Each structure stands twice: as structure tokens, then as C-alpha cells.
Amino acid sequence: MRCARFGLVMGMAAALLACASAPGPSQGLQPTSRTLGPFVYFEEGTDLLITVGAQATRQRLDTPFFPIEIGIANKSHEKVITITREAFSATVGDSKEIPAATAAEVIEGYRALNADRVLFRSREFTATKFDRYTQPAVDSRFYPNSQRRTGVVQERVELGSGTYFQDVLYFRNPGFSLKGQVVSLLVRLKAGEDPHVVVFKLD
């Protein structure tokens, strides 16, 4: 009886020790997507390649809106993919999904469109992925080049088989600094579908 009781006590002690030594949930330990270069991330599946550039995002941690560079390639052999601004959303830490801002919202509430252009560096690294697709890239411009509204804004991009585009998205700040946060870009090609997700951290 004494041996059985001793064995029970030792088993409980081992279980408690295991619980004490196991790391709890930590945003710092959350895995991110694979990288192509400094602050450039990607996910690649059967039909889609998605890249994310976070260099500009890292410089806009406390602004009303934050930019994310994106690239998407249609890897399928037959179907045409239609992508609209509404296909994109983002989460910051435990925030709710933040839809991509409209062009009008960014023009009205954000003054760094011109300055952002010098921060966009992801294309220096994404060429290793996109060079295999039809050149040149499909035209895309979800936002104007500046507050002067130069250039035509597009509401959708049509990607045929083996084509790609690269652009920039803007999202409204969730109400706190992005510093140290894990950000997820979500892409839904159709309403109700599970999103394609690229995850990165703003160290």
C-alpha cells in the first residue's frame, strides 16, 4: 500500500514539473511564414504564391494607417483569379480582422503616401519567385500614388494562369502600436472560404 501511495505521489510530482517547465502561449514564439529576404515573407500552395513585404510596415507602427507590400501569382493551369481590395484583411496580435482600407479613406486620413514609396523594398527579393511567371507583371493599383490622386485606382485585378501582380495595401491602425506585434495578412478569393494567410512579426 505504501509503495502504491509513493508511486502516486511521484507521478503527480512529475506531472507538475512537466507543466511548470512547458512554455505557455507567447506571441514571441508564434511561428511566422518563410522568408525571402529581410522583412519579406511568403506562403506558396498549389494554386497561389503570396508574398508580403514588411519594411514599410515597420516604419509606420503608430500611424493612422499602415502599409503592407503584397505580391500574388496564379499558379493554376486553367482558371482566372479575380482579386479585389475586399479580398484582403489583416489581424494584429489578437485584434479582430481589419479590412483593407478604401482609397478614399487613405487619401483623407493618411499623409505619408509619397514618403512610403521610398520604403517599398520587397521587389528586390521577390524576383527570385516571380521571375518564373509571365512578364511583365499584371497592372495593379489599389491606391493612388499620392494625396494628389495621381494615376488611376483599380478596384480589381484579373490574374490568368501563370501571371502575377505586386502592389501595396493599407489597413487602419487597430488602436495601438504595432511594435512587437504578430501580423497576419488574410486573402480570401471567395466569400466564406478559408483564407490564405501570411504571418510576420514587427520586431
Protein backbone atom coordinates (compact mmCIF):
# COMPACT_ATOMS: atom_id res chain seq x y z
CA MET A 1 0.00 0.00 0.00
CA ARG A 2 2.83 2.34 0.95
CA CYS A 3 4.62 1.62 -2.37
CA ALA A 4 1.45 2.34 -4.33
CA ARG A 5 0.95 5.65 -2.48
CA PHE A 6 4.60 6.61 -3.06
CA GLY A 7 4.26 5.86 -6.77
CA LEU A 8 1.14 8.02 -6.99
CA VAL A 9 2.89 10.95 -5.27
CA MET A 10 5.91 10.67 -7.55
CA GLY A 11 3.67 10.55 -10.64
CA MET A 12 1.85 13.71 -9.56
CA ALA A 13 5.16 15.45 -8.87
CA ALA A 14 6.45 14.55 -12.34
CA ALA A 15 3.27 15.85 -13.96
CA LEU A 16 3.51 19.14 -12.05
CA LEU A 17 7.15 19.53 -13.03
CA ALA A 18 6.30 18.96 -16.68
CA CYS A 19 3.57 21.59 -16.55
CA ALA A 20 5.86 24.07 -14.83
CA SER A 21 8.61 23.69 -17.43
CA ALA A 22 6.40 23.80 -20.53
CA PRO A 23 6.37 27.25 -22.16
CA GLY A 24 3.00 28.98 -22.12
CA PRO A 25 1.44 30.78 -25.07
CA SER A 26 3.79 33.51 -26.23
CA GLN A 27 3.45 35.88 -29.12
CA GLY A 28 7.22 35.81 -29.43
CA LEU A 29 7.15 32.05 -30.09
CA GLN A 30 4.41 32.19 -32.71
CA PRO A 31 5.81 30.87 -35.99
CA THR A 32 5.95 33.22 -38.96
CA SER A 33 5.85 32.43 -42.66
CA ARG A 34 9.00 31.59 -44.59
CA THR A 35 11.28 34.44 -45.68
CA LEU A 36 12.76 35.53 -48.99
CA GLY A 37 14.90 38.30 -47.53
CA PRO A 38 14.92 40.86 -44.71
CA PHE A 39 11.28 41.52 -43.75
CA VAL A 40 9.93 39.69 -46.83
CA TYR A 41 7.71 36.67 -46.19
CA PHE A 42 5.82 34.20 -48.37
CA GLU A 43 3.43 31.27 -48.49
CA GLU A 44 3.14 29.03 -51.54
CA GLY A 45 0.50 26.43 -52.30
CA THR A 46 -0.79 24.54 -55.30
CA ASP A 47 -2.66 27.47 -56.85
CA LEU A 48 -1.24 30.61 -55.25
CA LEU A 49 2.06 32.22 -54.31
CA ILE A 50 1.65 35.14 -51.89
CA THR A 51 4.48 37.43 -50.76
CA VAL A 52 4.46 40.13 -48.10
CA GLY A 53 6.95 42.94 -47.60
CA ALA A 54 7.00 44.46 -44.11
CA GLN A 55 9.82 47.01 -44.41
CA ALA A 56 7.42 49.93 -44.79
CA THR A 57 5.12 48.49 -42.12
CA ARG A 58 7.99 48.58 -39.60
CA GLN A 59 8.30 52.34 -40.14
CA ARG A 60 4.59 53.01 -39.63
CA LEU A 61 3.92 51.43 -36.24
CA ASP A 62 1.81 54.29 -34.85
CA THR A 63 0.31 55.99 -37.88
CA PRO A 64 -3.45 56.04 -38.62
CA PHE A 65 -2.90 53.53 -41.46
CA PHE A 66 -0.10 51.06 -42.12
CA PRO A 67 1.11 49.70 -45.48
CA ILE A 68 1.86 46.10 -46.45
CA GLU A 69 3.55 45.26 -49.75
CA ILE A 70 1.99 42.26 -51.46
CA GLY A 71 2.55 40.03 -54.45
CA ILE A 72 0.31 37.24 -55.74
CA ALA A 73 0.91 34.73 -58.54
CA ASN A 74 -1.71 32.46 -60.08
CA LYS A 75 -0.04 29.05 -60.28
CA SER A 76 -3.09 27.20 -61.58
CA HIS A 77 -3.06 25.89 -65.14
CA GLU A 78 -6.55 26.89 -66.19
CA LYS A 79 -8.62 29.21 -64.02
CA VAL A 80 -8.58 33.01 -63.97
CA ILE A 81 -8.45 34.53 -60.49
CA THR A 82 -10.20 37.81 -59.76
CA ILE A 83 -8.80 39.71 -56.79
CA THR A 84 -10.43 42.79 -55.30
CA ARG A 85 -9.39 45.02 -52.43
CA GLU A 86 -12.13 43.40 -50.37
CA ALA A 87 -10.30 40.06 -50.58
CA PHE A 88 -7.74 41.33 -48.07
CA SER A 89 -7.86 41.74 -44.32
CA ALA A 90 -5.31 41.69 -41.51
CA THR A 91 -5.09 40.91 -37.82
CA VAL A 92 -2.63 42.48 -35.39
CA GLY A 93 -2.00 40.35 -32.33
CA ASP A 94 -5.42 39.34 -31.02
CA SER A 95 -7.31 42.06 -32.86
CA LYS A 96 -10.38 41.43 -34.96
CA GLU A 97 -9.93 41.30 -38.71
CA ILE A 98 -9.19 44.70 -40.20
CA PRO A 99 -10.42 45.09 -43.79
CA ALA A 100 -8.17 46.76 -46.33
CA ALA A 101 -8.92 50.48 -46.31
CA THR A 102 -10.62 52.13 -49.25
CA ALA A 103 -8.66 54.52 -51.43
CA ALA A 104 -10.84 57.40 -50.22
CA GLU A 105 -10.11 56.59 -46.55
CA VAL A 106 -6.37 56.62 -47.15
CA ILE A 107 -6.41 59.85 -49.15
CA GLU A 108 -8.44 61.54 -46.42
CA GLY A 109 -6.70 60.22 -43.31
CA TYR A 110 -3.07 59.44 -44.18
CA ARG A 111 -0.33 61.86 -45.27
CA ALA A 112 2.65 59.59 -45.92
CA LEU A 113 1.76 58.10 -49.31
CA ASN A 114 4.63 59.89 -51.06
CA ALA A 115 7.13 59.10 -48.30
CA ASP A 116 6.11 55.43 -48.22
CA ARG A 117 7.30 54.90 -51.78
CA VAL A 118 10.98 55.03 -50.76
CA LEU A 119 10.36 52.31 -48.14
CA PHE A 120 8.98 49.72 -50.56
CA ARG A 121 11.85 47.24 -50.93
CA SER A 122 10.26 43.80 -51.25
CA ARG A 123 10.65 43.59 -55.04
CA GLU A 124 14.41 43.36 -54.58
CA PHE A 125 13.81 39.91 -53.06
CA THR A 126 10.58 38.62 -54.64
CA ALA A 127 12.11 38.46 -58.12
CA THR A 128 13.52 35.04 -57.24
CA LYS A 129 9.91 33.81 -57.07
CA PHE A 130 8.10 35.91 -59.68
CA ASP A 131 10.65 35.74 -62.50
CA ARG A 132 9.34 32.29 -63.41
CA TYR A 133 5.95 33.76 -64.34
CA THR A 134 4.82 35.67 -67.40
CA GLN A 135 6.47 39.05 -67.71
CA PRO A 136 5.70 41.84 -67.20
CA ALA A 137 3.55 41.89 -64.08
CA VAL A 138 -0.19 42.47 -64.44
CA ASP A 139 -1.11 46.10 -63.78
CA SER A 140 -2.43 46.78 -60.29
CA ARG A 141 -3.04 49.95 -58.29
CA PHE A 142 -5.40 49.68 -55.35
CA TYR A 143 -4.35 53.15 -54.08
CA PRO A 144 -3.18 56.40 -55.73
CA ASN A 145 0.47 57.41 -55.77
CA SER A 146 -0.12 60.44 -53.56
CA GLN A 147 -2.74 62.68 -51.95
CA ARG A 148 -2.94 64.44 -55.32
CA ARG A 149 -4.74 61.32 -56.57
CA THR A 150 -2.32 60.82 -59.45
CA GLY A 151 -2.93 57.73 -61.52
CA VAL A 152 -5.99 55.59 -61.96
CA VAL A 153 -7.07 53.45 -58.99
CA GLN A 154 -8.13 49.90 -59.81
CA GLU A 155 -10.81 48.03 -57.91
CA ARG A 156 -9.84 44.55 -59.14
CA VAL A 157 -7.04 42.56 -60.73
CA GLU A 158 -7.55 39.68 -63.17
CA LEU A 159 -4.83 37.02 -62.99
CA GLY A 160 -4.69 34.48 -65.78
CA SER A 161 -2.80 31.23 -65.44
CA GLY A 162 0.90 31.83 -64.79
CA THR A 163 0.60 35.58 -64.18
CA TYR A 164 1.22 37.74 -61.12
CA PHE A 165 0.92 41.26 -59.72
CA GLN A 166 2.62 43.28 -56.99
CA ASP A 167 1.03 46.18 -55.13
CA VAL A 168 0.59 47.84 -51.74
CA LEU A 169 -2.32 47.58 -49.31
CA TYR A 170 -3.26 49.93 -46.48
CA PHE A 171 -5.01 48.99 -43.24
CA ARG A 172 -6.37 51.17 -40.48
CA ASN A 173 -4.34 51.07 -37.27
CA PRO A 174 -6.15 48.86 -34.70
CA GLY A 175 -5.78 51.49 -31.96
CA PHE A 176 -2.38 50.58 -30.53
CA SER A 177 1.26 50.46 -31.59
CA LEU A 178 2.25 47.65 -33.93
CA LYS A 179 5.70 47.36 -32.34
CA GLY A 180 6.49 43.74 -31.44
CA GLN A 181 3.13 42.53 -32.76
CA VAL A 182 2.47 39.48 -34.91
CA VAL A 183 0.56 40.48 -38.04
CA SER A 184 -1.38 38.12 -40.30
CA LEU A 185 -2.40 39.04 -43.83
CA LEU A 186 -5.52 37.12 -44.89
CA VAL A 187 -6.52 36.63 -48.52
CA ARG A 188 -9.99 35.29 -49.37
CA LEU A 189 -10.62 34.73 -53.05
CA LYS A 190 -14.28 33.87 -52.39
CA ALA A 191 -16.60 34.81 -49.53
CA GLY A 192 -16.89 32.06 -46.96
CA GLU A 193 -13.68 30.29 -47.96
CA ASP A 194 -10.84 29.68 -45.55
CA PRO A 195 -8.27 32.43 -46.11
CA HIS A 196 -4.73 32.09 -47.34
CA VAL A 197 -2.55 33.52 -44.56
CA VAL A 198 0.93 35.05 -44.40
CA VAL A 199 2.26 35.72 -40.90
CA PHE A 200 5.06 38.09 -39.90
CA LYS A 201 6.32 39.85 -36.78
CA LEU A 202 7.19 43.51 -36.40
CA ASP A 203 10.33 43.32 -34.25
